[in-house]
Amino acid sequence: MASGILIISILFMPFWVTFILAFAGMIYFHIFLEAVFLLFLSDLLYGVREAKFFGIFFISLIIGVTLFVAVEILKKKLKFYP
């Protein structure tokens, strides 16, 4: 269900909504690796080279992987997170 909502947000909503939903899914679910794959799909569909990012094509993927790793490390450090 969450992956479907994320796919719909990639196709029909602005990119920042997709990032917020992916971040919320990473926090809520135990391991939400689907967000990283769907952000990669977003880059494949809409990604362009950015001059301000040194011509890197996969900006959403890089940010998504970095965010995923940071959230998973933070979840292990928190005592109240199961």
N, C-alpha and C. Protein backbone atom coordinates (compact mmCIF):
# COMPACT_ATOMS: atom_id res chain seq x y z
N MET A 1 0.82 -1.19 0.00
CA MET A 1 0.00 0.00 0.00
C MET A 1 0.87 1.27 0.00
N ALA A 2 1.87 1.30 0.86
CA ALA A 2 2.74 2.48 0.94
C ALA A 2 3.54 2.65 -0.35
N SER A 3 3.98 1.56 -0.93
CA SER A 3 4.72 1.65 -2.19
C SER A 3 3.83 2.19 -3.31
N GLY A 4 2.58 1.78 -3.30
CA GLY A 4 1.64 2.29 -4.29
C GLY A 4 1.40 3.78 -4.16
N ILE A 5 1.28 4.25 -2.93
CA ILE A 5 1.11 5.69 -2.70
C ILE A 5 2.35 6.44 -3.15
N LEU A 6 3.51 5.86 -2.91
CA LEU A 6 4.75 6.51 -3.33
C LEU A 6 4.88 6.54 -4.86
N ILE A 7 4.45 5.50 -5.53
CA ILE A 7 4.46 5.48 -7.00
C ILE A 7 3.52 6.54 -7.55
N ILE A 8 2.33 6.66 -6.96
CA ILE A 8 1.38 7.67 -7.39
C ILE A 8 1.95 9.07 -7.18
N SER A 9 2.65 9.26 -6.06
CA SER A 9 3.24 10.58 -5.81
C SER A 9 4.37 10.88 -6.80
N ILE A 10 5.11 9.87 -7.22
CA ILE A 10 6.16 10.08 -8.23
C ILE A 10 5.54 10.49 -9.56
N LEU A 11 4.45 9.87 -9.91
CA LEU A 11 3.85 10.13 -11.22
C LEU A 11 3.06 11.42 -11.29
N PHE A 12 2.38 11.80 -10.20
CA PHE A 12 1.42 12.89 -10.30
C PHE A 12 1.68 14.08 -9.37
N MET A 13 2.62 13.99 -8.46
CA MET A 13 2.84 15.08 -7.50
C MET A 13 4.25 15.65 -7.66
N PRO A 14 4.49 16.83 -7.09
CA PRO A 14 5.84 17.41 -7.15
C PRO A 14 6.86 16.54 -6.42
N PHE A 15 8.13 16.73 -6.76
CA PHE A 15 9.17 15.87 -6.21
C PHE A 15 9.30 16.01 -4.70
N TRP A 16 9.04 17.19 -4.16
CA TRP A 16 9.20 17.38 -2.72
C TRP A 16 8.16 16.60 -1.93
N VAL A 17 6.98 16.37 -2.50
CA VAL A 17 5.98 15.53 -1.84
C VAL A 17 6.47 14.09 -1.79
N THR A 18 7.10 13.65 -2.85
CA THR A 18 7.65 12.30 -2.89
C THR A 18 8.73 12.12 -1.84
N PHE A 19 9.61 13.12 -1.69
CA PHE A 19 10.65 13.04 -0.67
C PHE A 19 10.06 12.99 0.73
N ILE A 20 9.04 13.78 0.98
CA ILE A 20 8.41 13.78 2.31
C ILE A 20 7.77 12.43 2.59
N LEU A 21 7.06 11.88 1.62
CA LEU A 21 6.43 10.57 1.81
C LEU A 21 7.46 9.46 1.96
N ALA A 22 8.54 9.53 1.20
CA ALA A 22 9.60 8.53 1.32
C ALA A 22 10.26 8.61 2.70
N PHE A 23 10.51 9.82 3.16
CA PHE A 23 11.11 10.02 4.48
C PHE A 23 10.18 9.51 5.58
N ALA A 24 8.90 9.80 5.46
CA ALA A 24 7.92 9.31 6.45
C ALA A 24 7.86 7.78 6.44
N GLY A 25 7.93 7.19 5.27
CA GLY A 25 7.93 5.73 5.17
C GLY A 25 9.19 5.12 5.77
N MET A 26 10.33 5.78 5.56
CA MET A 26 11.58 5.28 6.16
C MET A 26 11.53 5.33 7.68
N ILE A 27 10.88 6.33 8.21
CA ILE A 27 10.77 6.44 9.67
C ILE A 27 9.75 5.44 10.21
N TYR A 28 8.62 5.30 9.55
CA TYR A 28 7.52 4.49 10.07
C TYR A 28 7.77 2.99 9.95
N PHE A 29 8.25 2.54 8.79
CA PHE A 29 8.45 1.11 8.57
C PHE A 29 9.83 0.67 9.02
N HIS A 30 9.96 -0.61 9.32
CA HIS A 30 11.22 -1.14 9.85
C HIS A 30 12.36 -0.92 8.86
N ILE A 31 12.26 -1.48 7.68
CA ILE A 31 13.24 -1.23 6.61
C ILE A 31 12.42 -0.97 5.35
N PHE A 32 12.40 0.28 4.94
CA PHE A 32 11.59 0.70 3.79
C PHE A 32 12.52 0.95 2.61
N LEU A 33 13.11 -0.10 2.12
CA LEU A 33 14.05 -0.02 1.01
C LEU A 33 13.35 0.30 -0.31
N GLU A 34 12.04 0.13 -0.33
CA GLU A 34 11.29 0.45 -1.54
C GLU A 34 11.42 1.93 -1.90
N ALA A 35 11.58 2.77 -0.88
CA ALA A 35 11.72 4.21 -1.14
C ALA A 35 12.96 4.49 -1.98
N VAL A 36 14.05 3.80 -1.70
CA VAL A 36 15.27 4.01 -2.46
C VAL A 36 15.07 3.57 -3.91
N PHE A 37 14.43 2.44 -4.12
CA PHE A 37 14.18 1.96 -5.48
C PHE A 37 13.22 2.89 -6.23
N LEU A 38 12.22 3.40 -5.54
CA LEU A 38 11.27 4.28 -6.20
C LEU A 38 11.86 5.67 -6.47
N LEU A 39 12.78 6.12 -5.63
CA LEU A 39 13.48 7.36 -5.93
C LEU A 39 14.42 7.18 -7.13
N PHE A 40 14.97 5.99 -7.28
CA PHE A 40 15.75 5.66 -8.48
C PHE A 40 14.85 5.70 -9.72
N LEU A 41 13.64 5.16 -9.59
CA LEU A 41 12.67 5.22 -10.69
C LEU A 41 12.34 6.66 -11.03
N SER A 42 12.21 7.50 -10.02
CA SER A 42 11.95 8.93 -10.24
C SER A 42 13.08 9.57 -11.03
N ASP A 43 14.31 9.22 -10.71
CA ASP A 43 15.45 9.75 -11.47
C ASP A 43 15.44 9.24 -12.91
N LEU A 44 15.07 8.00 -13.10
CA LEU A 44 15.02 7.47 -14.46
C LEU A 44 13.94 8.14 -15.30
N LEU A 45 12.82 8.50 -14.66
CA LEU A 45 11.73 9.13 -15.39
C LEU A 45 11.95 10.61 -15.63
N TYR A 46 12.39 11.33 -14.59
CA TYR A 46 12.41 12.79 -14.66
C TYR A 46 13.79 13.40 -14.44
N GLY A 47 14.81 12.60 -14.24
CA GLY A 47 16.12 13.15 -13.90
C GLY A 47 16.80 13.83 -15.07
N VAL A 48 17.44 14.94 -14.77
CA VAL A 48 18.26 15.67 -15.75
C VAL A 48 19.57 16.03 -15.07
N ARG A 49 20.58 16.27 -15.87
CA ARG A 49 21.88 16.66 -15.31
C ARG A 49 21.77 18.08 -14.76
N GLU A 50 22.27 18.24 -13.55
CA GLU A 50 22.25 19.55 -12.90
C GLU A 50 23.66 20.11 -12.86
N ALA A 51 23.84 21.33 -13.33
CA ALA A 51 25.16 21.95 -13.31
C ALA A 51 25.59 22.27 -11.88
N LYS A 52 24.63 22.61 -11.02
CA LYS A 52 25.00 22.94 -9.65
C LYS A 52 25.38 21.71 -8.83
N PHE A 53 25.06 20.51 -9.32
CA PHE A 53 25.47 19.27 -8.67
C PHE A 53 26.56 18.56 -9.46
N PHE A 54 27.36 19.31 -10.20
CA PHE A 54 28.50 18.80 -10.97
C PHE A 54 28.10 17.82 -12.05
N GLY A 55 26.93 17.98 -12.62
CA GLY A 55 26.49 17.15 -13.73
C GLY A 55 26.04 15.75 -13.32
N ILE A 56 25.74 15.56 -12.06
CA ILE A 56 25.29 14.25 -11.58
C ILE A 56 23.84 14.04 -12.02
N PHE A 57 23.54 12.84 -12.47
CA PHE A 57 22.22 12.52 -13.00
C PHE A 57 21.28 12.01 -11.91
N PHE A 58 21.76 11.20 -10.99
CA PHE A 58 20.91 10.52 -10.00
C PHE A 58 20.90 11.25 -8.66
N ILE A 59 20.37 12.46 -8.64
CA ILE A 59 20.34 13.25 -7.42
C ILE A 59 19.38 12.65 -6.40
N SER A 60 18.18 12.27 -6.83
CA SER A 60 17.19 11.70 -5.91
C SER A 60 17.69 10.39 -5.30
N LEU A 61 18.36 9.59 -6.09
CA LEU A 61 18.89 8.33 -5.58
C LEU A 61 19.97 8.57 -4.53
N ILE A 62 20.86 9.49 -4.78
CA ILE A 62 21.93 9.77 -3.83
C ILE A 62 21.36 10.32 -2.52
N ILE A 63 20.42 11.25 -2.63
CA ILE A 63 19.80 11.80 -1.43
C ILE A 63 18.99 10.72 -0.71
N GLY A 64 18.30 9.87 -1.46
CA GLY A 64 17.50 8.81 -0.85
C GLY A 64 18.35 7.78 -0.11
N VAL A 65 19.46 7.37 -0.70
CA VAL A 65 20.35 6.40 -0.04
C VAL A 65 20.97 7.01 1.22
N THR A 66 21.40 8.27 1.10
CA THR A 66 21.97 8.95 2.26
C THR A 66 20.95 9.08 3.38
N LEU A 67 19.74 9.46 3.03
CA LEU A 67 18.67 9.59 4.01
C LEU A 67 18.31 8.24 4.62
N PHE A 68 18.27 7.20 3.80
CA PHE A 68 17.94 5.86 4.29
C PHE A 68 18.98 5.37 5.31
N VAL A 69 20.24 5.54 4.98
CA VAL A 69 21.31 5.10 5.89
C VAL A 69 21.26 5.91 7.19
N ALA A 70 21.05 7.21 7.08
CA ALA A 70 20.99 8.05 8.28
C ALA A 70 19.81 7.69 9.17
N VAL A 71 18.66 7.44 8.57
CA VAL A 71 17.47 7.08 9.36
C VAL A 71 17.66 5.72 10.02
N GLU A 72 18.23 4.76 9.31
CA GLU A 72 18.43 3.44 9.91
C GLU A 72 19.44 3.48 11.05
N ILE A 73 20.49 4.27 10.93
CA ILE A 73 21.46 4.42 12.02
C ILE A 73 20.80 5.10 13.20
N LEU A 74 20.00 6.13 12.93
CA LEU A 74 19.33 6.85 14.00
C LEU A 74 18.30 5.97 14.70
N LYS A 75 17.62 5.10 13.96
CA LYS A 75 16.64 4.20 14.58
C LYS A 75 17.33 3.23 15.54
N LYS A 76 18.53 2.77 15.21
CA LYS A 76 19.26 1.86 16.10
C LYS A 76 19.73 2.56 17.35
N LYS A 77 20.00 3.87 17.26
CA LYS A 77 20.50 4.63 18.41
C LYS A 77 19.38 5.01 19.39
N LEU A 78 18.15 5.13 18.91
CA LEU A 78 17.05 5.54 19.75
C LEU A 78 16.58 4.39 20.63
N LYS A 79 16.32 4.66 21.86
CA LYS A 79 15.89 3.60 22.77
C LYS A 79 14.43 3.26 22.61
N PHE A 80 13.59 4.25 22.30
CA PHE A 80 12.16 3.99 22.25
C PHE A 80 11.70 3.40 20.93
N TYR A 81 12.58 3.30 19.96
CA TYR A 81 12.21 2.70 18.68
C TYR A 81 12.47 1.20 18.75
N PRO A 82 11.47 0.36 18.45
CA PRO A 82 11.68 -1.10 18.61
C PRO A 82 12.64 -1.71 17.62
